[in-house]
Amino acid sequence: MARRLVHKTRVGRCAVLIYRDAEWNEYVVKTVIGGRSTGTYHTGDKDDAQGTATHIARRLRAQRRCT
């Protein structure tokens, strides 16, 4: 699996990462809280991946789970 990091947003001790997986022709949005992966979202659309990452980052800031 050849994933390339496209974007990274940090929220305190958390991160929202967007990877491009060329093998599967998709984008993967990964949420990391305290060094542990807590979930992934797969989509073929770059705009969808960016929107999802933005939504997750806003949710993490609002919940204050990462401070």
Protein backbone atom coordinates (compact mmCIF):
# COMPACT_ATOMS: atom_id res chain seq x y z
CA MET A 1 0.00 0.00 0.00
CA ALA A 2 1.68 3.20 -1.20
CA ARG A 3 0.21 6.13 0.69
CA ARG A 4 1.57 9.66 0.40
CA LEU A 5 0.81 12.32 3.00
CA VAL A 6 -1.05 15.17 1.30
CA HIS A 7 -2.07 17.33 4.27
CA LYS A 8 -1.72 17.42 8.05
CA THR A 9 -3.71 19.50 10.54
CA ARG A 10 -2.67 19.54 14.19
CA VAL A 11 -5.12 20.28 16.99
CA GLY A 12 -3.17 20.21 20.26
CA ARG A 13 -2.05 16.61 20.78
CA CYS A 14 -4.29 15.37 17.97
CA ALA A 15 -3.87 15.32 14.19
CA VAL A 16 -6.03 14.90 11.12
CA LEU A 17 -4.06 13.48 8.20
CA ILE A 18 -5.00 13.16 4.53
CA TYR A 19 -3.20 10.50 2.50
CA ARG A 20 -3.37 9.76 -1.22
CA ASP A 21 -3.42 6.04 -1.95
CA ALA A 22 -2.41 5.64 -5.61
CA GLU A 23 -2.91 1.87 -5.57
CA TRP A 24 -6.62 2.17 -4.73
CA ASN A 25 -7.07 5.59 -6.38
CA GLU A 26 -8.51 7.13 -3.21
CA TYR A 27 -7.88 9.59 -0.40
CA VAL A 28 -7.74 8.44 3.21
CA VAL A 29 -8.54 10.78 6.11
CA LYS A 30 -7.01 9.50 9.34
CA THR A 31 -7.68 10.85 12.84
CA VAL A 32 -4.95 10.46 15.47
CA ILE A 33 -5.61 11.26 19.13
CA GLY A 34 -2.76 10.97 21.61
CA GLY A 35 -0.64 8.97 19.17
CA ARG A 36 -3.36 6.40 18.43
CA SER A 37 -5.36 6.13 15.23
CA THR A 38 -9.04 6.49 16.11
CA GLY A 39 -10.57 6.18 12.68
CA THR A 40 -10.23 6.44 8.93
CA TYR A 41 -12.45 7.66 6.11
CA HIS A 42 -11.92 6.59 2.49
CA THR A 43 -13.11 8.57 -0.54
CA GLY A 44 -12.23 8.96 -4.19
CA ASP A 45 -12.82 12.73 -4.13
CA LYS A 46 -10.14 15.16 -2.95
CA ASP A 47 -12.65 17.89 -2.04
CA ASP A 48 -14.62 15.38 0.04
CA ALA A 49 -11.44 14.37 1.88
CA GLN A 50 -10.55 18.01 2.60
CA GLY A 51 -14.09 18.79 3.78
CA THR A 52 -14.15 15.76 6.04
CA ALA A 53 -10.75 16.64 7.53
CA THR A 54 -11.93 20.20 8.20
CA HIS A 55 -15.11 18.91 9.88
CA ILE A 56 -13.15 16.49 12.08
CA ALA A 57 -10.65 19.20 13.12
CA ARG A 58 -13.48 21.58 14.04
CA ARG A 59 -15.20 18.84 16.05
CA LEU A 60 -11.98 18.06 17.92
CA ARG A 61 -11.49 21.76 18.78
CA ALA A 62 -15.09 22.07 20.01
CA GLN A 63 -14.87 18.94 22.17
CA ARG A 64 -11.52 20.02 23.64
CA ARG A 65 -10.32 16.41 23.58
CA CYS A 66 -6.87 17.36 22.34
CA THR A 67 -5.72 20.14 24.65
